[in-house]
């Protein structure tokens, strides 16, 4: 088998395509969540705690040298990232919960009883004949 044929077989597997679609949709979803947190949630929260932007919340460790930039711990950005994580985790939880609910409904559907075997058919005929 040639290298090109092997690669073609690899790409044509459903899992690879599904994974690629999941990554693309996940990156788009991440942009939406980032915008939701940064543009919709954090400004009102910052306003409620005194008009502070979370991106500006940082702890200054001081200057190492006169010409070097300040060394800071940006805990406001960390808070925003934690909020983003919680939103994404909740969304993934809801998707998995919905998927599991659909799967259990499919499993819960009663299967049709199996057709009787030849022995059962023969025994049923014998029983019916004996009743007569």
N, C-alpha and C. Protein backbone atom coordinates (compact mmCIF):
# COMPACT_ATOMS: atom_id res chain seq x y z
N UNK A 1 0.86 -1.18 0.00
CA UNK A 1 0.00 0.00 0.00
C UNK A 1 0.90 1.23 0.00
N UNK A 2 0.58 2.18 -0.86
CA UNK A 2 1.41 3.37 -0.96
C UNK A 2 1.12 4.33 0.19
N UNK A 3 2.04 5.22 0.39
CA UNK A 3 1.91 6.21 1.46
C UNK A 3 0.68 7.09 1.23
N UNK A 4 0.44 7.45 -0.02
CA UNK A 4 -0.72 8.30 -0.33
C UNK A 4 -2.02 7.55 -0.03
N UNK A 5 -2.07 6.28 -0.37
CA UNK A 5 -3.28 5.48 -0.10
C UNK A 5 -3.52 5.34 1.40
N UNK A 6 -2.45 5.10 2.16
CA UNK A 6 -2.58 5.01 3.62
C UNK A 6 -3.10 6.32 4.20
N UNK A 7 -2.55 7.44 3.72
CA UNK A 7 -2.98 8.75 4.20
C UNK A 7 -4.45 8.98 3.86
N UNK A 8 -4.85 8.59 2.65
CA UNK A 8 -6.23 8.74 2.22
C UNK A 8 -7.16 7.92 3.12
N UNK A 9 -6.78 6.70 3.43
CA UNK A 9 -7.58 5.87 4.33
C UNK A 9 -7.67 6.47 5.72
N UNK A 10 -6.57 7.05 6.19
CA UNK A 10 -6.54 7.68 7.51
C UNK A 10 -7.49 8.87 7.56
N UNK A 11 -7.45 9.71 6.56
CA UNK A 11 -8.29 10.92 6.53
C UNK A 11 -9.76 10.55 6.37
N UNK A 12 -10.05 9.50 5.64
CA UNK A 12 -11.45 9.14 5.38
C UNK A 12 -12.13 8.47 6.57
N UNK A 13 -11.40 8.16 7.61
CA UNK A 13 -12.03 7.63 8.82
C UNK A 13 -12.93 8.69 9.41
N UNK A 14 -14.06 8.27 9.93
CA UNK A 14 -15.01 9.23 10.49
C UNK A 14 -14.47 9.96 11.70
N UNK A 15 -13.65 9.30 12.52
CA UNK A 15 -13.17 9.92 13.75
C UNK A 15 -12.29 11.13 13.47
N UNK A 16 -11.47 11.06 12.44
CA UNK A 16 -10.57 12.18 12.14
C UNK A 16 -11.37 13.39 11.70
N UNK A 17 -12.34 13.18 10.84
CA UNK A 17 -13.17 14.28 10.37
C UNK A 17 -13.98 14.86 11.53
N UNK A 18 -14.56 14.00 12.36
CA UNK A 18 -15.33 14.48 13.51
C UNK A 18 -14.45 15.29 14.46
N UNK A 19 -13.24 14.84 14.67
CA UNK A 19 -12.31 15.56 15.54
C UNK A 19 -11.98 16.93 14.97
N UNK A 20 -11.74 16.99 13.67
CA UNK A 20 -11.43 18.27 13.03
C UNK A 20 -12.61 19.24 13.15
N UNK A 21 -13.81 18.75 12.94
CA UNK A 21 -15.00 19.60 13.07
C UNK A 21 -15.14 20.07 14.52
N UNK A 22 -14.90 19.18 15.47
CA UNK A 22 -14.99 19.56 16.88
C UNK A 22 -13.99 20.64 17.25
N UNK A 23 -12.79 20.55 16.71
CA UNK A 23 -11.76 21.56 17.02
C UNK A 23 -12.15 22.91 16.45
N UNK A 24 -12.64 22.92 15.22
CA UNK A 24 -13.04 24.20 14.59
C UNK A 24 -14.20 24.82 15.34
N UNK A 25 -15.20 24.03 15.67
CA UNK A 25 -16.35 24.56 16.40
C UNK A 25 -15.93 24.99 17.81
N UNK A 26 -15.04 24.22 18.42
CA UNK A 26 -14.56 24.59 19.76
C UNK A 26 -13.82 25.90 19.78
N UNK A 27 -13.02 26.15 18.75
CA UNK A 27 -12.29 27.43 18.72
C UNK A 27 -13.25 28.59 18.50
N UNK A 28 -14.27 28.38 17.67
CA UNK A 28 -15.28 29.43 17.47
C UNK A 28 -16.07 29.66 18.76
N UNK A 29 -16.40 28.59 19.46
CA UNK A 29 -17.13 28.71 20.72
C UNK A 29 -16.28 29.45 21.76
N UNK A 30 -14.97 29.21 21.75
CA UNK A 30 -14.08 29.90 22.68
C UNK A 30 -14.12 31.41 22.44
N UNK A 31 -14.15 31.82 21.19
CA UNK A 31 -14.22 33.26 20.89
C UNK A 31 -15.53 33.85 21.41
N UNK A 32 -16.61 33.11 21.26
CA UNK A 32 -17.91 33.60 21.75
C UNK A 32 -17.88 33.73 23.27
N UNK A 33 -17.34 32.72 23.95
CA UNK A 33 -17.29 32.77 25.41
C UNK A 33 -16.37 33.90 25.87
N UNK A 34 -15.24 34.09 25.21
CA UNK A 34 -14.34 35.19 25.57
C UNK A 34 -15.05 36.53 25.44
N UNK A 35 -15.79 36.71 24.36
CA UNK A 35 -16.52 37.96 24.18
C UNK A 35 -17.61 38.11 25.23
N UNK A 36 -18.31 37.03 25.53
CA UNK A 36 -19.35 37.08 26.56
C UNK A 36 -18.78 37.52 27.90
N UNK A 37 -17.66 36.91 28.28
CA UNK A 37 -17.07 37.24 29.57
C UNK A 37 -16.49 38.64 29.57
N UNK A 38 -15.65 38.96 28.57
CA UNK A 38 -14.94 40.24 28.56
C UNK A 38 -15.84 41.43 28.27
N UNK A 39 -16.84 41.24 27.39
CA UNK A 39 -17.64 42.37 26.94
C UNK A 39 -19.01 42.48 27.61
N UNK A 40 -19.52 41.37 28.15
CA UNK A 40 -20.87 41.41 28.70
C UNK A 40 -20.93 41.19 30.21
N UNK A 41 -20.12 40.29 30.73
CA UNK A 41 -20.22 39.95 32.16
C UNK A 41 -19.30 40.78 33.04
N UNK A 42 -18.05 40.88 32.66
CA UNK A 42 -17.08 41.53 33.55
C UNK A 42 -17.30 43.04 33.70
N UNK A 43 -17.68 43.80 32.66
CA UNK A 43 -17.92 45.24 32.88
C UNK A 43 -18.97 45.54 33.94
N UNK A 44 -20.16 44.87 33.92
CA UNK A 44 -21.11 45.17 35.00
C UNK A 44 -20.61 44.73 36.38
N UNK A 45 -19.90 43.60 36.43
CA UNK A 45 -19.35 43.17 37.72
C UNK A 45 -18.32 44.18 38.21
N UNK A 46 -17.47 44.65 37.30
CA UNK A 46 -16.50 45.67 37.67
C UNK A 46 -17.17 46.96 38.12
N UNK A 47 -18.26 47.33 37.47
CA UNK A 47 -19.01 48.52 37.85
C UNK A 47 -19.59 48.37 39.25
N UNK A 48 -20.11 47.16 39.55
CA UNK A 48 -20.71 46.93 40.86
C UNK A 48 -19.68 46.96 41.99
N UNK A 49 -18.44 46.62 41.70
CA UNK A 49 -17.43 46.63 42.77
C UNK A 49 -16.62 47.92 42.77
N UNK A 50 -17.13 48.95 42.11
CA UNK A 50 -16.49 50.25 42.22
C UNK A 50 -15.88 50.77 40.94
N UNK A 51 -16.37 50.33 39.80
CA UNK A 51 -15.89 50.86 38.53
C UNK A 51 -14.51 50.38 38.14
N UNK A 52 -14.13 49.22 38.59
CA UNK A 52 -12.80 48.69 38.31
C UNK A 52 -12.90 47.72 37.13
N UNK A 53 -11.95 47.84 36.20
CA UNK A 53 -11.85 46.88 35.11
C UNK A 53 -11.00 45.71 35.60
N UNK A 54 -11.48 44.51 35.41
CA UNK A 54 -10.73 43.35 35.89
C UNK A 54 -9.38 43.23 35.20
N UNK A 55 -9.29 43.68 33.95
CA UNK A 55 -8.02 43.60 33.23
C UNK A 55 -6.97 44.49 33.90
N UNK A 56 -7.41 45.52 34.63
CA UNK A 56 -6.47 46.43 35.29
C UNK A 56 -6.09 45.97 36.69
N UNK A 57 -6.73 44.95 37.22
CA UNK A 57 -6.40 44.48 38.56
C UNK A 57 -5.08 43.71 38.53
N UNK A 58 -4.10 44.25 39.21
CA UNK A 58 -2.80 43.58 39.25
C UNK A 58 -2.06 43.99 40.51
N UNK A 59 -1.13 43.18 40.86
CA UNK A 59 -0.29 43.43 42.02
C UNK A 59 1.11 43.72 41.52
N UNK A 60 1.62 44.90 41.85
CA UNK A 60 2.94 45.32 41.37
C UNK A 60 4.01 44.78 42.30
N UNK A 61 4.93 43.99 41.73
CA UNK A 61 6.03 43.46 42.53
C UNK A 61 7.20 44.43 42.63
N UNK A 62 7.19 45.47 41.82
CA UNK A 62 8.25 46.48 41.87
C UNK A 62 9.13 46.41 40.65
N UNK A 63 9.99 47.40 40.55
CA UNK A 63 10.94 47.47 39.44
C UNK A 63 12.23 46.77 39.82
N UNK A 64 12.71 45.91 38.93
CA UNK A 64 13.99 45.27 39.17
C UNK A 64 15.13 46.22 38.87
N UNK A 65 15.00 46.92 37.75
CA UNK A 65 16.01 47.89 37.33
C UNK A 65 15.28 49.15 36.88
N UNK A 66 15.98 50.22 36.77
CA UNK A 66 15.37 51.49 36.41
C UNK A 66 14.79 51.45 35.00
N UNK A 67 15.43 50.75 34.09
CA UNK A 67 14.99 50.73 32.70
C UNK A 67 14.09 49.54 32.35
N UNK A 68 13.87 48.62 33.27
CA UNK A 68 13.08 47.43 32.97
C UNK A 68 11.60 47.70 33.23
N UNK A 69 10.73 46.96 32.56
CA UNK A 69 9.29 47.15 32.81
C UNK A 69 8.90 46.62 34.18
N UNK A 70 7.75 47.07 34.64
CA UNK A 70 7.27 46.63 35.95
C UNK A 70 6.93 45.14 35.92
N UNK A 71 7.18 44.49 37.03
CA UNK A 71 6.81 43.08 37.19
C UNK A 71 5.50 43.06 37.99
N UNK A 72 4.46 42.46 37.37
CA UNK A 72 3.15 42.46 38.01
C UNK A 72 2.55 41.06 38.01
N UNK A 73 1.68 40.82 38.96
CA UNK A 73 0.84 39.62 38.98
C UNK A 73 -0.56 40.09 38.59
N UNK A 74 -1.03 39.64 37.43
CA UNK A 74 -2.30 40.09 36.87
C UNK A 74 -3.44 39.20 37.35
N UNK A 75 -3.86 39.38 38.58
CA UNK A 75 -4.91 38.53 39.13
C UNK A 75 -6.27 38.83 38.54
N UNK A 76 -6.49 40.02 38.00
CA UNK A 76 -7.75 40.34 37.34
C UNK A 76 -7.95 39.50 36.08
N UNK A 77 -6.90 39.34 35.31
CA UNK A 77 -6.97 38.50 34.11
C UNK A 77 -7.22 37.04 34.51
N UNK A 78 -6.62 36.63 35.63
CA UNK A 78 -6.83 35.27 36.12
C UNK A 78 -8.30 35.05 36.50
N UNK A 79 -8.91 36.04 37.13
CA UNK A 79 -10.33 35.94 37.49
C UNK A 79 -11.18 35.81 36.23
N UNK A 80 -10.89 36.62 35.19
CA UNK A 80 -11.63 36.53 33.94
C UNK A 80 -11.48 35.16 33.30
N UNK A 81 -10.27 34.62 33.32
CA UNK A 81 -10.02 33.30 32.75
C UNK A 81 -10.77 32.22 33.52
N UNK A 82 -10.86 32.35 34.83
CA UNK A 82 -11.61 31.38 35.62
C UNK A 82 -13.10 31.44 35.29
N UNK A 83 -13.63 32.64 35.10
CA UNK A 83 -15.05 32.78 34.73
C UNK A 83 -15.28 32.16 33.35
N UNK A 84 -14.36 32.40 32.42
CA UNK A 84 -14.48 31.79 31.10
C UNK A 84 -14.48 30.27 31.20
N UNK A 85 -13.60 29.73 32.02
CA UNK A 85 -13.53 28.28 32.20
C UNK A 85 -14.84 27.72 32.73
N UNK A 86 -15.42 28.39 33.72
CA UNK A 86 -16.67 27.91 34.31
C UNK A 86 -17.78 27.90 33.26
N UNK A 87 -17.83 28.93 32.42
CA UNK A 87 -18.86 29.00 31.38
C UNK A 87 -18.66 27.87 30.37
N UNK A 88 -17.43 27.66 29.92
CA UNK A 88 -17.15 26.60 28.95
C UNK A 88 -17.45 25.24 29.58
N UNK A 89 -17.03 25.03 30.81
CA UNK A 89 -17.27 23.75 31.48
C UNK A 89 -18.76 23.49 31.62
N UNK A 90 -19.54 24.51 31.94
CA UNK A 90 -20.99 24.35 32.05
C UNK A 90 -21.61 24.01 30.70
N UNK A 91 -21.15 24.69 29.65
CA UNK A 91 -21.69 24.41 28.32
C UNK A 91 -21.37 22.98 27.89
N UNK A 92 -20.15 22.53 28.14
CA UNK A 92 -19.78 21.15 27.80
C UNK A 92 -20.60 20.17 28.63
N UNK A 93 -20.80 20.48 29.90
CA UNK A 93 -21.63 19.63 30.76
C UNK A 93 -23.04 19.49 30.19
N UNK A 94 -23.62 20.61 29.75
CA UNK A 94 -24.98 20.56 29.21
C UNK A 94 -25.03 19.75 27.91
N UNK A 95 -24.01 19.87 27.07
CA UNK A 95 -23.97 19.09 25.82
C UNK A 95 -23.87 17.60 26.15
N UNK A 96 -22.98 17.24 27.06
CA UNK A 96 -22.82 15.83 27.43
C UNK A 96 -24.09 15.30 28.10
N UNK A 97 -24.71 16.12 28.94
CA UNK A 97 -25.95 15.70 29.59
C UNK A 97 -27.04 15.44 28.55
N UNK A 98 -27.17 16.32 27.57
CA UNK A 98 -28.15 16.12 26.50
C UNK A 98 -27.85 14.88 25.68
N UNK A 99 -26.58 14.67 25.39
CA UNK A 99 -26.18 13.48 24.63
C UNK A 99 -26.50 12.21 25.40
N UNK A 100 -26.19 12.21 26.69
CA UNK A 100 -26.49 11.04 27.52
C UNK A 100 -27.99 10.79 27.62
N UNK A 101 -28.78 11.85 27.68
CA UNK A 101 -30.23 11.71 27.75
C UNK A 101 -30.76 11.08 26.46
N UNK A 102 -30.24 11.54 25.31
CA UNK A 102 -30.66 10.95 24.04
C UNK A 102 -30.26 9.48 23.96
N UNK A 103 -29.07 9.16 24.43
CA UNK A 103 -28.58 7.79 24.36
C UNK A 103 -29.40 6.87 25.27
N UNK A 104 -29.77 7.35 26.46
CA UNK A 104 -30.56 6.49 27.35
C UNK A 104 -31.97 6.29 26.80
N UNK A 105 -32.53 7.27 26.09
CA UNK A 105 -33.84 7.08 25.48
C UNK A 105 -33.77 6.02 24.40
N UNK A 106 -32.68 6.02 23.64
CA UNK A 106 -32.53 5.00 22.61
C UNK A 106 -32.38 3.62 23.24
N UNK A 107 -31.64 3.53 24.33
CA UNK A 107 -31.44 2.25 25.00
C UNK A 107 -32.71 1.79 25.70
N UNK A 108 -33.50 2.75 26.20
CA UNK A 108 -34.70 2.40 26.95
C UNK A 108 -35.83 1.89 26.05
N UNK A 109 -35.77 2.20 24.76
CA UNK A 109 -36.82 1.74 23.85
C UNK A 109 -36.83 0.21 23.86
N UNK A 110 -37.99 -0.37 24.12
CA UNK A 110 -38.03 -1.83 24.22
C UNK A 110 -37.74 -2.46 22.85
N UNK A 111 -36.92 -3.46 22.89
CA UNK A 111 -36.60 -4.19 21.67
C UNK A 111 -37.73 -5.16 21.37
N UNK A 112 -37.93 -5.41 20.11
CA UNK A 112 -38.97 -6.35 19.71
C UNK A 112 -38.59 -7.74 20.22
N UNK A 113 -39.55 -8.47 20.72
CA UNK A 113 -39.21 -9.80 21.22
C UNK A 113 -38.70 -10.67 20.07
N UNK A 114 -37.75 -11.52 20.36
CA UNK A 114 -37.20 -12.34 19.29
C UNK A 114 -38.25 -13.32 18.78
N UNK A 115 -38.12 -13.65 17.51
CA UNK A 115 -39.06 -14.60 16.91
C UNK A 115 -38.86 -15.97 17.58
N UNK A 116 -39.94 -16.71 17.76
CA UNK A 116 -39.79 -18.01 18.42
C UNK A 116 -38.94 -18.95 17.57
N UNK A 117 -38.19 -19.78 18.26
CA UNK A 117 -37.34 -20.75 17.55
C UNK A 117 -38.20 -21.87 16.98
N UNK A 118 -37.58 -22.67 16.16
CA UNK A 118 -38.32 -23.80 15.57
C UNK A 118 -38.84 -24.74 16.64
N UNK A 119 -38.08 -24.95 17.68
CA UNK A 119 -38.52 -25.83 18.78
C UNK A 119 -39.77 -25.27 19.45
N UNK A 120 -39.77 -23.95 19.70
CA UNK A 120 -40.92 -23.33 20.35
C UNK A 120 -42.15 -23.43 19.45
N UNK A 121 -41.97 -23.22 18.15
CA UNK A 121 -43.10 -23.33 17.23
C UNK A 121 -43.66 -24.76 17.26
N UNK A 122 -42.76 -25.74 17.22
CA UNK A 122 -43.19 -27.14 17.24
C UNK A 122 -43.91 -27.48 18.55
N UNK A 123 -43.36 -27.01 19.67
CA UNK A 123 -44.01 -27.26 20.96
C UNK A 123 -45.38 -26.59 21.04
N UNK A 124 -45.50 -25.41 20.46
CA UNK A 124 -46.79 -24.71 20.46
C UNK A 124 -47.81 -25.50 19.64
N UNK A 125 -47.39 -26.03 18.50
CA UNK A 125 -48.30 -26.84 17.68
C UNK A 125 -48.74 -28.10 18.43
N UNK A 126 -47.79 -28.75 19.10
CA UNK A 126 -48.12 -29.96 19.87
C UNK A 126 -49.10 -29.61 20.98
N UNK A 127 -48.87 -28.51 21.68
CA UNK A 127 -49.78 -28.10 22.75
C UNK A 127 -51.18 -27.86 22.19
N UNK A 128 -51.25 -27.16 21.06
CA UNK A 128 -52.55 -26.86 20.47
C UNK A 128 -53.26 -28.13 20.04
N UNK A 129 -52.51 -29.10 19.51
CA UNK A 129 -53.12 -30.38 19.12
C UNK A 129 -53.63 -31.15 20.33
N UNK A 130 -52.85 -31.12 21.42
CA UNK A 130 -53.28 -31.82 22.63
C UNK A 130 -54.53 -31.19 23.24
N UNK A 131 -54.70 -29.89 23.11
CA UNK A 131 -55.90 -29.23 23.64
C UNK A 131 -57.13 -29.67 22.87
N UNK A 132 -56.98 -29.95 21.58
CA UNK A 132 -58.12 -30.37 20.78
C UNK A 132 -58.50 -31.77 21.18
